[in-house]
Amino acid sequence: MTAAKFIALDKPSAADKWVNDVFNQTDLLGSQPEMGCAVPVLLGSSYREIIFASYRIVYKI
């Protein structure tokens, strides 16, 4: 189950807001891909991470 679906079980409007907020945060990565931190267990790789709310978003640059 995705995080949005889990949130929607309790409050659908909160799930919609959460999804929009995640997209707003990750849209910044298009222009600032190095804004996240290097993933500690993958040092030396091109993987980075950002923390959004209590979620870890790992991405590759």
C-alpha atoms as a PDB file:
ATOM      1  CA  MET A   1       0.000   0.000   0.000  1.00  0.00           C
ATOM      2  CA  THR A   2       1.376   3.413  -0.879  1.00  0.00           C
ATOM      3  CA  ALA A   3       1.704   6.138   1.722  1.00  0.00           C
ATOM      4  CA  ALA A   4      -1.008   8.208   0.021  1.00  0.00           C
ATOM      5  CA  LYS A   5      -3.471   5.302   0.057  1.00  0.00           C
ATOM      6  CA  PHE A   6      -2.728   4.651   3.717  1.00  0.00           C
ATOM      7  CA  ILE A   7      -3.318   8.311   4.613  1.00  0.00           C
ATOM      8  CA  ALA A   8      -6.504   8.348   2.504  1.00  0.00           C
ATOM      9  CA  LEU A   9      -7.999   5.539   4.586  1.00  0.00           C
ATOM     10  CA  ASP A  10      -8.335   8.016   7.432  1.00  0.00           C
ATOM     11  CA  LYS A  11      -8.565  11.368   5.655  1.00  0.00           C
ATOM     12  CA  PRO A  12      -8.719  11.619   1.836  1.00  0.00           C
ATOM     13  CA  SER A  13      -8.177  15.393   1.794  1.00  0.00           C
ATOM     14  CA  ALA A  14      -4.972  14.995   3.809  1.00  0.00           C
ATOM     15  CA  ALA A  15      -3.758  12.396   1.309  1.00  0.00           C
ATOM     16  CA  ASP A  16      -4.345  14.803  -1.587  1.00  0.00           C
ATOM     17  CA  LYS A  17      -2.419  17.535   0.215  1.00  0.00           C
ATOM     18  CA  TRP A  18       0.405  15.131   1.057  1.00  0.00           C
ATOM     19  CA  VAL A  19       0.748  14.034  -2.575  1.00  0.00           C
ATOM     20  CA  ASN A  20       0.791  17.657  -3.767  1.00  0.00           C
ATOM     21  CA  ASP A  21       3.416  18.554  -1.168  1.00  0.00           C
ATOM     22  CA  VAL A  22       5.611  15.608  -2.192  1.00  0.00           C
ATOM     23  CA  PHE A  23       5.420  16.634  -5.850  1.00  0.00           C
ATOM     24  CA  ASN A  24       6.208  20.256  -4.982  1.00  0.00           C
ATOM     25  CA  GLN A  25       9.262  19.159  -3.006  1.00  0.00           C
ATOM     26  CA  THR A  26      10.525  16.723  -5.613  1.00  0.00           C
ATOM     27  CA  ASP A  27       9.924  19.164  -8.498  1.00  0.00           C
ATOM     28  CA  LEU A  28      12.808  21.195  -7.070  1.00  0.00           C
ATOM     29  CA  LEU A  29      15.113  18.279  -7.835  1.00  0.00           C
ATOM     30  CA  GLY A  30      14.803  19.015 -11.548  1.00  0.00           C
ATOM     31  CA  SER A  31      16.662  22.299 -11.141  1.00  0.00           C
ATOM     32  CA  GLN A  32      18.653  21.445  -8.005  1.00  0.00           C
ATOM     33  CA  PRO A  33      19.419  17.716  -8.158  1.00  0.00           C
ATOM     34  CA  GLU A  34      22.220  17.907  -5.603  1.00  0.00           C
ATOM     35  CA  MET A  35      20.053  19.490  -2.914  1.00  0.00           C
ATOM     36  CA  GLY A  36      19.653  16.125  -1.213  1.00  0.00           C
ATOM     37  CA  CYS A  37      22.272  14.383   0.876  1.00  0.00           C
ATOM     38  CA  ALA A  38      24.413  11.490  -0.284  1.00  0.00           C
ATOM     39  CA  VAL A  39      22.930   8.180   0.843  1.00  0.00           C
ATOM     40  CA  PRO A  40      25.246   6.989   3.658  1.00  0.00           C
ATOM     41  CA  VAL A  41      25.176   3.302   2.708  1.00  0.00           C
ATOM     42  CA  LEU A  42      25.799   4.150  -0.946  1.00  0.00           C
ATOM     43  CA  LEU A  43      28.687   6.610  -0.594  1.00  0.00           C
ATOM     44  CA  GLY A  44      30.502   7.108  -3.857  1.00  0.00           C
ATOM     45  CA  SER A  45      27.359   6.472  -5.885  1.00  0.00           C
ATOM     46  CA  SER A  46      25.064   8.934  -7.595  1.00  0.00           C
ATOM     47  CA  TYR A  47      22.185   8.247  -5.189  1.00  0.00           C
ATOM     48  CA  ARG A  48      20.944  11.030  -2.957  1.00  0.00           C
ATOM     49  CA  GLU A  49      18.062  11.409  -0.526  1.00  0.00           C
ATOM     50  CA  ILE A  50      15.688  13.982   0.833  1.00  0.00           C
ATOM     51  CA  ILE A  51      13.504  13.607   3.887  1.00  0.00           C
ATOM     52  CA  PHE A  52       9.889  14.647   3.500  1.00  0.00           C
ATOM     53  CA  ALA A  53       7.725  14.477   6.611  1.00  0.00           C
ATOM     54  CA  SER A  54       8.739  11.079   8.002  1.00  0.00           C
ATOM     55  CA  TYR A  55       9.536   9.599   4.594  1.00  0.00           C
ATOM     56  CA  ARG A  56      12.906   9.048   2.956  1.00  0.00           C
ATOM     57  CA  ILE A  57      12.946   9.709  -0.785  1.00  0.00           C
ATOM     58  CA  VAL A  58      15.978   8.215  -2.535  1.00  0.00           C
ATOM     59  CA  TYR A  59      16.792   9.308  -6.078  1.00  0.00           C
ATOM     60  CA  LYS A  60      19.594   8.973  -8.607  1.00  0.00           C
ATOM     61  CA  ILE A  61      21.311  11.916 -10.282  1.00  0.00           C
END
